[in-house]
Amino acid sequence: MIGSVIWASLLLAGSIAAPAAAPVSVPVLTDDNVAQWRDTIRPTAAETRWQEIPWRPALWEGVVEAQKKEQPILVWAMNGHPLACT
């Protein structure tokens, strides 16, 4: 009971002391600004450079090629779905 009273007091104090958020203007998509939005959203060439890397789907294939070229290997490993949809 005492713990819940303390939490309620802290929440009340936090809500009173917190400044009001400034109103946020919501951008609107129109015929006039669609090109600007497209250019803002579309990835740049620098952001898609990773797609130019000749990735190898199998680790051993990469190991053999790296040994021939005497180059290091980047192993990209993960656990779970790439979009966190598990």
Protein backbone atom coordinates (compact mmCIF):
# COMPACT_ATOMS: atom_id res chain seq x y z
CA MET A 1 0.00 0.00 0.00
CA ILE A 2 2.77 2.43 0.94
CA GLY A 3 4.68 1.57 -2.25
CA SER A 4 1.66 2.34 -4.42
CA VAL A 5 1.16 5.68 -2.65
CA ILE A 6 4.79 6.59 -3.31
CA TRP A 7 4.48 5.65 -6.99
CA ALA A 8 1.26 7.63 -7.33
CA SER A 9 2.96 10.64 -5.74
CA LEU A 10 5.93 10.35 -8.12
CA LEU A 11 3.66 10.03 -11.16
CA LEU A 12 1.61 13.02 -10.08
CA ALA A 13 4.72 15.09 -9.41
CA GLY A 14 6.18 14.09 -12.78
CA SER A 15 3.04 15.03 -14.67
CA ILE A 16 2.81 18.41 -12.95
CA ALA A 17 6.49 19.22 -13.43
CA ALA A 18 6.65 18.05 -17.05
CA PRO A 19 6.38 20.88 -19.57
CA ALA A 20 3.63 20.69 -22.13
CA ALA A 21 4.79 19.37 -25.48
CA ALA A 22 4.75 21.83 -28.34
CA PRO A 23 2.18 21.02 -31.01
CA VAL A 24 3.67 19.05 -33.88
CA SER A 25 2.75 19.94 -37.43
CA VAL A 26 2.02 16.88 -39.52
CA PRO A 27 3.50 16.98 -43.02
CA VAL A 28 1.06 16.42 -45.85
CA LEU A 29 1.82 14.72 -49.14
CA THR A 30 0.64 16.81 -52.08
CA ASP A 31 1.25 16.89 -55.82
CA ASP A 32 3.64 19.78 -55.27
CA ASN A 33 5.91 18.04 -52.75
CA VAL A 34 5.76 14.40 -53.92
CA ALA A 35 9.15 14.68 -55.70
CA GLN A 36 10.74 16.07 -52.52
CA TRP A 37 9.31 13.22 -50.45
CA ARG A 38 10.45 10.65 -53.03
CA ASP A 39 14.01 12.01 -52.99
CA THR A 40 14.03 12.12 -49.18
CA ILE A 41 12.78 8.54 -48.78
CA ARG A 42 14.71 6.86 -51.60
CA PRO A 43 18.10 5.51 -50.45
CA THR A 44 21.14 7.26 -51.86
CA ALA A 45 23.91 5.49 -53.76
CA ALA A 46 26.11 5.68 -50.65
CA GLU A 47 23.41 4.00 -48.55
CA THR A 48 23.11 1.06 -50.96
CA ARG A 49 26.84 0.43 -51.48
CA TRP A 50 26.59 -2.74 -49.38
CA GLN A 51 24.56 -4.31 -52.21
CA GLU A 52 27.63 -4.13 -54.46
CA ILE A 53 29.59 -6.49 -52.20
CA PRO A 54 29.71 -9.98 -53.75
CA TRP A 55 28.22 -11.73 -50.72
CA ARG A 56 28.61 -15.51 -50.52
CA PRO A 57 25.64 -17.51 -49.27
CA ALA A 58 27.82 -20.32 -47.91
CA LEU A 59 30.62 -19.79 -45.41
CA TRP A 60 32.91 -22.39 -46.96
CA GLU A 61 32.63 -20.79 -50.41
CA GLY A 62 33.82 -17.53 -48.87
CA VAL A 63 36.64 -19.25 -46.98
CA VAL A 64 38.00 -20.87 -50.13
CA GLU A 65 37.82 -17.60 -52.09
CA ALA A 66 39.41 -15.60 -49.25
CA GLN A 67 42.29 -18.08 -49.00
CA LYS A 68 42.95 -17.82 -52.73
CA LYS A 69 42.93 -14.01 -52.61
CA GLU A 70 44.62 -13.84 -49.19
CA GLN A 71 41.86 -11.58 -47.88
CA PRO A 72 39.96 -11.49 -44.59
CA ILE A 73 36.38 -12.70 -44.22
CA LEU A 74 33.43 -10.75 -42.87
CA VAL A 75 30.94 -13.14 -41.29
CA TRP A 76 27.53 -11.58 -40.84
CA ALA A 77 25.58 -13.80 -38.47
CA MET A 78 22.34 -13.14 -36.66
CA ASN A 79 19.76 -14.86 -34.56
CA GLY A 80 16.13 -14.42 -35.47
CA HIS A 81 14.19 -12.74 -38.22
CA PRO A 82 15.92 -9.73 -39.86
CA LEU A 83 12.84 -7.56 -39.29
CA ALA A 84 12.35 -8.76 -35.71
CA CYS A 85 9.17 -10.56 -36.76
CA THR A 86 9.50 -13.58 -34.51
